[in-house]
């Protein structure tokens, strides 16, 4: 299994992480790697998104890790991970490509199991997530906005 370090795809832009920086997308090649690369994936994402507030960065890192781990667990492994960050509106899109067409499922995990909660976490943390097919398999994506989740209306009655 190859190291992920230094495998940001050629031509991918690595931004100056200052306020308001917009670059899209950043790509990390994950072909030939294994689950031990998850720490490098988190470090890559953390390094690109240093301008995010800590609580938002924490959510983004959890979703990056869960989507990537899901590809390792249920497919032959991810091909790549992509991040797109926008400053206004504050929005991060996470995408993970893998070689299978089978779609992830949000399941009720067995309460005695230590595993099986990844897509539940993604479903709770992301404003919206989904899957689309690509020529080599599928892309699982999630969109996280800063502040009020997009699925909650600003006009929601208080409680």
C-alpha atoms as a PDB file:
ATOM      1  CA  UNK A   1       0.000   0.000   0.000  1.00  0.00           C
ATOM      2  CA  UNK A   2       1.427   3.345  -1.030  1.00  0.00           C
ATOM      3  CA  UNK A   3       1.816   6.388   1.123  1.00  0.00           C
ATOM      4  CA  UNK A   4      -0.657   9.191   0.591  1.00  0.00           C
ATOM      5  CA  UNK A   5       1.784  11.918   1.547  1.00  0.00           C
ATOM      6  CA  UNK A   6       2.527  14.116  -1.418  1.00  0.00           C
ATOM      7  CA  UNK A   7      -0.199  12.544  -3.537  1.00  0.00           C
ATOM      8  CA  UNK A   8      -2.349  15.605  -4.059  1.00  0.00           C
ATOM      9  CA  UNK A   9      -3.226  15.228  -7.725  1.00  0.00           C
ATOM     10  CA  UNK A  10      -1.060  17.268 -10.087  1.00  0.00           C
ATOM     11  CA  UNK A  11      -2.778  20.504 -10.968  1.00  0.00           C
ATOM     12  CA  UNK A  12      -4.872  20.582  -7.783  1.00  0.00           C
ATOM     13  CA  UNK A  13      -4.666  24.020  -6.221  1.00  0.00           C
ATOM     14  CA  UNK A  14      -3.420  24.328  -2.684  1.00  0.00           C
ATOM     15  CA  UNK A  15      -4.656  27.715  -1.467  1.00  0.00           C
ATOM     16  CA  UNK A  16      -3.312  30.379   0.714  1.00  0.00           C
ATOM     17  CA  UNK A  17      -5.613  29.494   3.625  1.00  0.00           C
ATOM     18  CA  UNK A  18      -6.336  33.117   4.446  1.00  0.00           C
ATOM     19  CA  UNK A  19      -9.851  34.453   5.023  1.00  0.00           C
ATOM     20  CA  UNK A  20     -12.066  34.423   1.967  1.00  0.00           C
ATOM     21  CA  UNK A  21      -9.878  32.017  -0.013  1.00  0.00           C
ATOM     22  CA  UNK A  22     -11.901  30.087  -2.553  1.00  0.00           C
ATOM     23  CA  UNK A  23     -10.350  27.176  -4.384  1.00  0.00           C
ATOM     24  CA  UNK A  24     -12.153  24.274  -5.944  1.00  0.00           C
ATOM     25  CA  UNK A  25     -11.623  21.409  -5.757  1.00  0.00           C
ATOM     26  CA  UNK A  26      -8.579  20.068  -3.926  1.00  0.00           C
ATOM     27  CA  UNK A  27      -7.954  16.413  -4.798  1.00  0.00           C
ATOM     28  CA  UNK A  28      -6.130  13.679  -2.908  1.00  0.00           C
ATOM     29  CA  UNK A  29      -5.326  10.503  -4.846  1.00  0.00           C
ATOM     30  CA  UNK A  30      -6.087   7.445  -2.686  1.00  0.00           C
ATOM     31  CA  UNK A  31      -5.591   4.620  -5.187  1.00  0.00           C
ATOM     32  CA  UNK A  32      -3.507   1.811  -3.759  1.00  0.00           C
ATOM     33  CA  UNK A  33      -3.874   2.946  -0.150  1.00  0.00           C
ATOM     34  CA  UNK A  34      -5.508   1.237   2.806  1.00  0.00           C
ATOM     35  CA  UNK A  35      -7.361   2.286   5.953  1.00  0.00           C
ATOM     36  CA  UNK A  36      -4.084   3.365   7.556  1.00  0.00           C
ATOM     37  CA  UNK A  37      -4.234   6.378   5.200  1.00  0.00           C
ATOM     38  CA  UNK A  38      -7.217   7.825   7.110  1.00  0.00           C
ATOM     39  CA  UNK A  39      -4.935   9.864   9.388  1.00  0.00           C
ATOM     40  CA  UNK A  40      -3.239  11.364   6.318  1.00  0.00           C
ATOM     41  CA  UNK A  41      -6.625  12.176   4.771  1.00  0.00           C
ATOM     42  CA  UNK A  42      -7.624  14.021   7.971  1.00  0.00           C
ATOM     43  CA  UNK A  43      -4.296  15.865   8.025  1.00  0.00           C
ATOM     44  CA  UNK A  44      -4.673  16.848   4.368  1.00  0.00           C
ATOM     45  CA  UNK A  45      -8.172  18.214   4.971  1.00  0.00           C
ATOM     46  CA  UNK A  46      -7.158  19.972   8.201  1.00  0.00           C
ATOM     47  CA  UNK A  47      -4.233  21.645   6.417  1.00  0.00           C
ATOM     48  CA  UNK A  48      -6.449  22.950   3.629  1.00  0.00           C
ATOM     49  CA  UNK A  49      -9.254  24.199   5.857  1.00  0.00           C
ATOM     50  CA  UNK A  50      -7.335  26.044   8.582  1.00  0.00           C
ATOM     51  CA  UNK A  51      -9.563  29.116   8.290  1.00  0.00           C
ATOM     52  CA  UNK A  52     -12.696  27.218   9.400  1.00  0.00           C
ATOM     53  CA  UNK A  53     -13.993  27.677  12.938  1.00  0.00           C
ATOM     54  CA  UNK A  54     -12.935  24.743  15.156  1.00  0.00           C
ATOM     55  CA  UNK A  55     -16.470  23.376  15.580  1.00  0.00           C
ATOM     56  CA  UNK A  56     -17.099  23.436  11.823  1.00  0.00           C
ATOM     57  CA  UNK A  57     -13.668  21.943  11.064  1.00  0.00           C
ATOM     58  CA  UNK A  58     -14.403  19.120  13.503  1.00  0.00           C
ATOM     59  CA  UNK A  59     -17.641  18.251  11.653  1.00  0.00           C
ATOM     60  CA  UNK A  60     -15.928  18.417   8.251  1.00  0.00           C
ATOM     61  CA  UNK A  61     -13.079  16.175   9.398  1.00  0.00           C
ATOM     62  CA  UNK A  62     -15.546  13.633  10.795  1.00  0.00           C
ATOM     63  CA  UNK A  63     -17.445  13.501   7.491  1.00  0.00           C
ATOM     64  CA  UNK A  64     -14.227  13.268   5.426  1.00  0.00           C
ATOM     65  CA  UNK A  65     -13.081  10.374   7.586  1.00  0.00           C
ATOM     66  CA  UNK A  66     -16.434   8.549   7.553  1.00  0.00           C
ATOM     67  CA  UNK A  67     -16.931   8.785   3.784  1.00  0.00           C
ATOM     68  CA  UNK A  68     -13.372   7.614   3.167  1.00  0.00           C
ATOM     69  CA  UNK A  69     -13.579   4.828   5.778  1.00  0.00           C
ATOM     70  CA  UNK A  70     -16.860   3.683   4.227  1.00  0.00           C
ATOM     71  CA  UNK A  71     -15.122   3.331   0.854  1.00  0.00           C
ATOM     72  CA  UNK A  72     -12.346   1.262   2.451  1.00  0.00           C
ATOM     73  CA  UNK A  73     -14.847  -0.904   4.332  1.00  0.00           C
ATOM     74  CA  UNK A  74     -17.425  -1.587   1.623  1.00  0.00           C
ATOM     75  CA  UNK A  75     -15.536  -1.303  -1.677  1.00  0.00           C
ATOM     76  CA  UNK A  76     -12.092  -2.050  -3.094  1.00  0.00           C
ATOM     77  CA  UNK A  77     -11.010   1.300  -1.666  1.00  0.00           C
ATOM     78  CA  UNK A  78     -11.452   4.943  -2.593  1.00  0.00           C
ATOM     79  CA  UNK A  79      -9.965   6.381  -5.768  1.00  0.00           C
ATOM     80  CA  UNK A  80      -9.751   9.919  -4.453  1.00  0.00           C
ATOM     81  CA  UNK A  81     -11.153  12.462  -2.030  1.00  0.00           C
ATOM     82  CA  UNK A  82     -12.091  15.992  -3.093  1.00  0.00           C
ATOM     83  CA  UNK A  83     -12.753  19.101  -1.034  1.00  0.00           C
ATOM     84  CA  UNK A  84     -14.315  22.324  -2.236  1.00  0.00           C
ATOM     85  CA  UNK A  85     -14.525  25.279   0.150  1.00  0.00           C
ATOM     86  CA  UNK A  86     -16.391  28.513  -0.389  1.00  0.00           C
ATOM     87  CA  UNK A  87     -16.042  31.533   1.870  1.00  0.00           C
ATOM     88  CA  UNK A  88     -19.380  33.164   1.056  1.00  0.00           C
ATOM     89  CA  UNK A  89     -21.554  31.393   1.790  1.00  0.00           C
ATOM     90  CA  UNK A  90     -19.347  29.380   4.118  1.00  0.00           C
ATOM     91  CA  UNK A  91     -19.680  25.934   2.613  1.00  0.00           C
ATOM     92  CA  UNK A  92     -17.533  22.803   2.305  1.00  0.00           C
ATOM     93  CA  UNK A  93     -18.300  20.007  -0.152  1.00  0.00           C
ATOM     94  CA  UNK A  94     -16.650  16.640   0.461  1.00  0.00           C
ATOM     95  CA  UNK A  95     -16.570  13.982  -2.262  1.00  0.00           C
ATOM     96  CA  UNK A  96     -15.120  10.466  -2.211  1.00  0.00           C
ATOM     97  CA  UNK A  97     -14.939   8.369  -5.382  1.00  0.00           C
ATOM     98  CA  UNK A  98     -14.838   4.575  -5.263  1.00  0.00           C
ATOM     99  CA  UNK A  99     -15.099   1.759  -7.846  1.00  0.00           C
ATOM    100  CA  UNK A 100     -18.466   0.247  -6.857  1.00  0.00           C
ATOM    101  CA  UNK A 101     -21.967   1.373  -7.816  1.00  0.00           C
ATOM    102  CA  UNK A 102     -23.626   0.066  -4.616  1.00  0.00           C
ATOM    103  CA  UNK A 103     -24.936   3.000  -2.608  1.00  0.00           C
ATOM    104  CA  UNK A 104     -24.266   3.580   1.085  1.00  0.00           C
ATOM    105  CA  UNK A 105     -27.176   3.089   3.455  1.00  0.00           C
ATOM    106  CA  UNK A 106     -27.970   4.805   6.736  1.00  0.00           C
ATOM    107  CA  UNK A 107     -28.654   1.878   9.050  1.00  0.00           C
ATOM    108  CA  UNK A 108     -29.763   1.415  12.612  1.00  0.00           C
ATOM    109  CA  UNK A 109     -26.646  -0.186  14.078  1.00  0.00           C
ATOM    110  CA  UNK A 110     -26.719  -3.101  16.430  1.00  0.00           C
ATOM    111  CA  UNK A 111     -26.352  -1.520  19.892  1.00  0.00           C
ATOM    112  CA  UNK A 112     -23.742  -4.130  20.797  1.00  0.00           C
ATOM    113  CA  UNK A 113     -21.623  -3.408  17.708  1.00  0.00           C
ATOM    114  CA  UNK A 114     -18.626  -1.093  17.751  1.00  0.00           C
ATOM    115  CA  UNK A 115     -19.171  -0.305  14.060  1.00  0.00           C
ATOM    116  CA  UNK A 116     -21.901   0.611  11.624  1.00  0.00           C
ATOM    117  CA  UNK A 117     -22.554   4.253  12.516  1.00  0.00           C
ATOM    118  CA  UNK A 118     -20.586   6.057   9.794  1.00  0.00           C
ATOM    119  CA  UNK A 119     -23.428   7.025   7.497  1.00  0.00           C
ATOM    120  CA  UNK A 120     -25.581   7.959  10.498  1.00  0.00           C
ATOM    121  CA  UNK A 121     -22.887  10.471  11.450  1.00  0.00           C
ATOM    122  CA  UNK A 122     -22.697  11.789   7.896  1.00  0.00           C
ATOM    123  CA  UNK A 123     -26.495  12.095   7.776  1.00  0.00           C
ATOM    124  CA  UNK A 124     -26.541  14.056  11.055  1.00  0.00           C
ATOM    125  CA  UNK A 125     -23.575  16.346  10.358  1.00  0.00           C
ATOM    126  CA  UNK A 126     -24.124  17.170   6.678  1.00  0.00           C
ATOM    127  CA  UNK A 127     -26.733  19.639   5.502  1.00  0.00           C
ATOM    128  CA  UNK A 128     -27.320  17.286   2.606  1.00  0.00           C
ATOM    129  CA  UNK A 129     -25.516  14.264   1.152  1.00  0.00           C
ATOM    130  CA  UNK A 130     -25.960  11.996  -1.811  1.00  0.00           C
ATOM    131  CA  UNK A 131     -24.477   9.700  -4.419  1.00  0.00           C
ATOM    132  CA  UNK A 132     -23.986   9.965  -8.143  1.00  0.00           C
ATOM    133  CA  UNK A 133     -22.493   7.533 -10.611  1.00  0.00           C
ATOM    134  CA  UNK A 134     -19.286   8.322 -12.427  1.00  0.00           C
ATOM    135  CA  UNK A 135     -17.503   6.419 -15.232  1.00  0.00           C
ATOM    136  CA  UNK A 136     -15.391   4.439 -12.727  1.00  0.00           C
ATOM    137  CA  UNK A 137     -18.040   3.737 -10.050  1.00  0.00           C
ATOM    138  CA  UNK A 138     -19.659   6.314  -7.818  1.00  0.00           C
ATOM    139  CA  UNK A 139     -19.086   9.530  -5.917  1.00  0.00           C
ATOM    140  CA  UNK A 140     -20.492   9.904  -2.400  1.00  0.00           C
ATOM    141  CA  UNK A 141     -20.701  13.572  -1.461  1.00  0.00           C
ATOM    142  CA  UNK A 142     -21.729  15.687   1.499  1.00  0.00           C
ATOM    143  CA  UNK A 143     -22.260  19.418   1.863  1.00  0.00           C
ATOM    144  CA  UNK A 144     -21.691  21.181   5.181  1.00  0.00           C
ATOM    145  CA  UNK A 145     -22.475  24.843   5.709  1.00  0.00           C
ATOM    146  CA  UNK A 146     -21.293  26.976   8.580  1.00  0.00           C
ATOM    147  CA  UNK A 147     -23.943  28.082  11.015  1.00  0.00           C
ATOM    148  CA  UNK A 148     -27.594  27.222  10.445  1.00  0.00           C
ATOM    149  CA  UNK A 149     -27.984  23.878   8.659  1.00  0.00           C
ATOM    150  CA  UNK A 150     -29.510  24.326   5.223  1.00  0.00           C
ATOM    151  CA  UNK A 151     -32.267  21.846   5.984  1.00  0.00           C
ATOM    152  CA  UNK A 152     -33.493  24.042   8.871  1.00  0.00           C
ATOM    153  CA  UNK A 153     -35.451  27.114   7.920  1.00  0.00           C
ATOM    154  CA  UNK A 154     -34.433  30.436   9.428  1.00  0.00           C
ATOM    155  CA  UNK A 155     -38.173  30.882  10.072  1.00  0.00           C
ATOM    156  CA  UNK A 156     -38.462  27.739  12.208  1.00  0.00           C
ATOM    157  CA  UNK A 157     -40.809  28.376  15.117  1.00  0.00           C
ATOM    158  CA  UNK A 158     -38.998  28.449  18.428  1.00  0.00           C
ATOM    159  CA  UNK A 159     -39.915  26.004  20.830  1.00  0.00           C
END
